[in-house]
């Protein structure tokens, strides 16, 4: 069973959605994925550089680890 709802979308997103054949299914799948992903958060989903930067910024991170992390983050 489905129910109709009205929501506001940014114009650019609405234009992209208009190209979809079944807009309701697309929106339903996107909302379902968003809600499931919110509940099933895992640090494994975060890019390694972002994790390293967050760890480097923590005050309790030991200096020797900060040095190694900074070295890794500044490598090209």
N, C-alpha and C. Protein backbone atom coordinates (compact mmCIF):
# COMPACT_ATOMS: atom_id res chain seq x y z
N UNK A 1 0.84 -1.17 0.00
CA UNK A 1 0.00 0.00 0.00
C UNK A 1 0.89 1.24 0.00
N UNK A 2 0.53 2.21 -0.79
CA UNK A 2 1.28 3.46 -0.87
C UNK A 2 0.40 4.60 -0.36
N UNK A 3 1.06 5.68 0.01
CA UNK A 3 0.36 6.89 0.45
C UNK A 3 1.04 8.09 -0.21
N UNK A 4 0.26 9.06 -0.63
CA UNK A 4 0.82 10.25 -1.26
C UNK A 4 1.30 11.24 -0.20
N UNK A 5 2.46 11.83 -0.45
CA UNK A 5 3.04 12.86 0.40
C UNK A 5 3.57 13.97 -0.50
N UNK A 6 3.59 15.17 0.02
CA UNK A 6 4.11 16.31 -0.72
C UNK A 6 5.33 16.85 0.00
N UNK A 7 6.44 16.97 -0.72
CA UNK A 7 7.68 17.48 -0.17
C UNK A 7 8.27 18.51 -1.12
N UNK A 8 9.08 19.39 -0.59
CA UNK A 8 9.78 20.37 -1.42
C UNK A 8 11.16 19.83 -1.76
N UNK A 9 11.56 20.02 -3.01
CA UNK A 9 12.88 19.61 -3.48
C UNK A 9 13.56 20.81 -4.12
N UNK A 10 14.89 20.85 -4.06
CA UNK A 10 15.59 21.89 -4.80
C UNK A 10 15.30 21.72 -6.30
N UNK A 11 15.25 22.82 -7.03
CA UNK A 11 14.90 22.81 -8.45
C UNK A 11 15.80 21.87 -9.25
N UNK A 12 17.10 21.92 -9.02
CA UNK A 12 18.03 21.07 -9.76
C UNK A 12 17.74 19.59 -9.55
N UNK A 13 17.43 19.23 -8.32
CA UNK A 13 17.11 17.84 -8.02
C UNK A 13 15.79 17.42 -8.67
N UNK A 14 14.82 18.31 -8.66
CA UNK A 14 13.53 18.03 -9.29
C UNK A 14 13.69 17.83 -10.80
N UNK A 15 14.57 18.60 -11.41
CA UNK A 15 14.82 18.46 -12.86
C UNK A 15 15.44 17.10 -13.15
N UNK A 16 16.41 16.69 -12.33
CA UNK A 16 17.02 15.37 -12.51
C UNK A 16 16.00 14.26 -12.30
N UNK A 17 15.16 14.42 -11.29
CA UNK A 17 14.15 13.41 -10.98
C UNK A 17 13.12 13.29 -12.10
N UNK A 18 12.82 14.38 -12.77
CA UNK A 18 11.84 14.39 -13.84
C UNK A 18 12.23 13.44 -14.97
N UNK A 19 13.53 13.21 -15.13
CA UNK A 19 14.00 12.33 -16.19
C UNK A 19 13.78 10.84 -15.86
N UNK A 20 13.47 10.54 -14.61
CA UNK A 20 13.24 9.16 -14.21
C UNK A 20 11.88 8.67 -14.69
N UNK A 21 11.85 7.43 -15.12
CA UNK A 21 10.61 6.84 -15.63
C UNK A 21 9.58 6.67 -14.50
N UNK A 22 10.01 6.13 -13.37
CA UNK A 22 9.11 5.92 -12.23
C UNK A 22 9.65 6.74 -11.06
N UNK A 23 9.20 7.98 -10.97
CA UNK A 23 9.72 8.90 -9.96
C UNK A 23 9.40 8.44 -8.55
N UNK A 24 8.21 7.90 -8.34
CA UNK A 24 7.83 7.43 -6.99
C UNK A 24 8.75 6.32 -6.52
N UNK A 25 9.05 5.38 -7.39
CA UNK A 25 9.94 4.28 -7.02
C UNK A 25 11.34 4.81 -6.72
N UNK A 26 11.81 5.74 -7.53
CA UNK A 26 13.13 6.31 -7.32
C UNK A 26 13.22 7.01 -5.97
N UNK A 27 12.22 7.82 -5.66
CA UNK A 27 12.21 8.53 -4.38
C UNK A 27 12.08 7.54 -3.22
N UNK A 28 11.22 6.54 -3.36
CA UNK A 28 11.05 5.54 -2.30
C UNK A 28 12.36 4.81 -2.02
N UNK A 29 13.05 4.41 -3.08
CA UNK A 29 14.32 3.71 -2.91
C UNK A 29 15.37 4.61 -2.27
N UNK A 30 15.40 5.88 -2.67
CA UNK A 30 16.39 6.81 -2.11
C UNK A 30 16.13 7.06 -0.63
N UNK A 31 14.88 7.26 -0.27
CA UNK A 31 14.54 7.50 1.14
C UNK A 31 14.82 6.26 1.97
N UNK A 32 14.47 5.10 1.45
CA UNK A 32 14.73 3.84 2.16
C UNK A 32 16.22 3.65 2.39
N UNK A 33 17.03 3.90 1.36
CA UNK A 33 18.48 3.77 1.50
C UNK A 33 19.02 4.77 2.52
N UNK A 34 18.54 6.00 2.46
CA UNK A 34 18.98 7.03 3.41
C UNK A 34 18.67 6.61 4.84
N UNK A 35 17.45 6.16 5.09
CA UNK A 35 17.06 5.78 6.44
C UNK A 35 17.82 4.55 6.92
N UNK A 36 18.05 3.58 6.04
CA UNK A 36 18.81 2.39 6.42
C UNK A 36 20.27 2.72 6.71
N UNK A 37 20.85 3.56 5.87
CA UNK A 37 22.25 3.94 6.06
C UNK A 37 22.45 4.71 7.36
N UNK A 38 21.46 5.51 7.73
CA UNK A 38 21.54 6.26 8.98
C UNK A 38 21.62 5.31 10.17
N UNK A 39 20.89 4.21 10.10
CA UNK A 39 20.84 3.26 11.20
C UNK A 39 22.06 2.35 11.22
N UNK A 40 22.68 2.12 10.08
CA UNK A 40 23.76 1.16 9.98
C UNK A 40 25.10 1.86 9.71
N UNK A 41 25.41 2.88 10.49
CA UNK A 41 26.66 3.61 10.30
C UNK A 41 27.85 2.73 10.67
N UNK A 42 28.87 2.82 9.87
CA UNK A 42 30.11 2.09 10.14
C UNK A 42 31.29 2.98 9.80
N UNK A 43 32.30 3.02 10.67
CA UNK A 43 33.50 3.79 10.34
C UNK A 43 34.16 3.31 9.05
N UNK A 44 33.88 2.08 8.66
CA UNK A 44 34.44 1.55 7.41
C UNK A 44 33.92 2.30 6.19
N UNK A 45 32.80 3.02 6.34
CA UNK A 45 32.23 3.78 5.23
C UNK A 45 32.91 5.13 5.02
N UNK A 46 33.73 5.54 5.98
CA UNK A 46 34.39 6.85 5.92
C UNK A 46 35.72 6.69 5.20
N UNK A 47 36.04 7.59 4.26
CA UNK A 47 37.34 7.52 3.57
C UNK A 47 38.50 7.59 4.57
N UNK A 48 39.56 6.84 4.30
CA UNK A 48 40.69 6.72 5.22
C UNK A 48 41.33 8.07 5.54
N UNK A 49 41.44 8.95 4.55
CA UNK A 49 42.05 10.26 4.81
C UNK A 49 41.21 11.08 5.78
N UNK A 50 39.90 10.95 5.68
CA UNK A 50 39.02 11.67 6.60
C UNK A 50 39.15 11.10 8.01
N UNK A 51 39.26 9.79 8.13
CA UNK A 51 39.48 9.17 9.45
C UNK A 51 40.81 9.60 10.06
N UNK A 52 41.85 9.61 9.23
CA UNK A 52 43.16 10.02 9.72
C UNK A 52 43.14 11.47 10.19
N UNK A 53 42.50 12.34 9.42
CA UNK A 53 42.43 13.75 9.80
C UNK A 53 41.67 13.92 11.10
N UNK A 54 40.59 13.17 11.27
CA UNK A 54 39.81 13.27 12.51
C UNK A 54 40.63 12.77 13.70
N UNK A 55 41.35 11.67 13.52
CA UNK A 55 42.19 11.15 14.60
C UNK A 55 43.31 12.12 14.94
N UNK A 56 43.92 12.72 13.93
CA UNK A 56 45.00 13.69 14.16
C UNK A 56 44.51 14.89 14.96
N UNK A 57 43.25 15.27 14.77
CA UNK A 57 42.69 16.45 15.45
C UNK A 57 42.32 16.18 16.91
N UNK A 58 42.25 14.94 17.31
CA UNK A 58 41.86 14.61 18.68
C UNK A 58 42.99 14.92 19.65
N UNK A 59 42.65 15.51 20.77
CA UNK A 59 43.65 15.89 21.76
C UNK A 59 44.33 14.68 22.39
N UNK A 60 43.61 13.60 22.58
CA UNK A 60 44.18 12.44 23.26
C UNK A 60 45.01 11.53 22.35
N UNK A 61 45.14 11.90 21.10
CA UNK A 61 45.96 11.12 20.17
C UNK A 61 47.43 11.34 20.54
N UNK A 62 48.18 10.25 20.77
CA UNK A 62 49.60 10.39 21.14
C UNK A 62 50.41 11.09 20.05
N UNK A 63 51.42 11.81 20.49
CA UNK A 63 52.25 12.60 19.56
C UNK A 63 52.90 11.75 18.48
N UNK A 64 53.37 10.55 18.81
CA UNK A 64 54.04 9.72 17.80
C UNK A 64 53.05 9.28 16.72
N UNK A 65 51.79 9.05 17.10
CA UNK A 65 50.78 8.72 16.09
C UNK A 65 50.42 9.94 15.25
N UNK A 66 50.34 11.10 15.91
CA UNK A 66 50.06 12.34 15.17
C UNK A 66 51.13 12.59 14.11
N UNK A 67 52.38 12.33 14.46
CA UNK A 67 53.47 12.55 13.52
C UNK A 67 53.34 11.60 12.32
N UNK A 68 53.02 10.35 12.59
CA UNK A 68 52.86 9.37 11.51
C UNK A 68 51.65 9.72 10.63
N UNK A 69 50.58 10.15 11.27
CA UNK A 69 49.37 10.52 10.52
C UNK A 69 49.64 11.74 9.66
N UNK A 70 50.30 12.73 10.23
CA UNK A 70 50.62 13.95 9.47
C UNK A 70 51.51 13.62 8.29
N UNK A 71 52.46 12.72 8.48
CA UNK A 71 53.33 12.30 7.39
C UNK A 71 52.50 11.66 6.28
N UNK A 72 51.56 10.80 6.63
CA UNK A 72 50.72 10.13 5.65
C UNK A 72 49.80 11.13 4.93
N UNK A 73 49.26 12.09 5.67
CA UNK A 73 48.35 13.06 5.07
C UNK A 73 49.04 14.05 4.14
N UNK A 74 50.32 14.29 4.38
CA UNK A 74 51.03 15.27 3.54
C UNK A 74 51.77 14.62 2.37
N UNK A 75 51.74 13.28 2.30
CA UNK A 75 52.35 12.61 1.14
C UNK A 75 51.53 12.91 -0.11
N UNK A 76 52.22 12.94 -1.24
CA UNK A 76 51.49 13.19 -2.50
C UNK A 76 51.15 11.91 -3.16
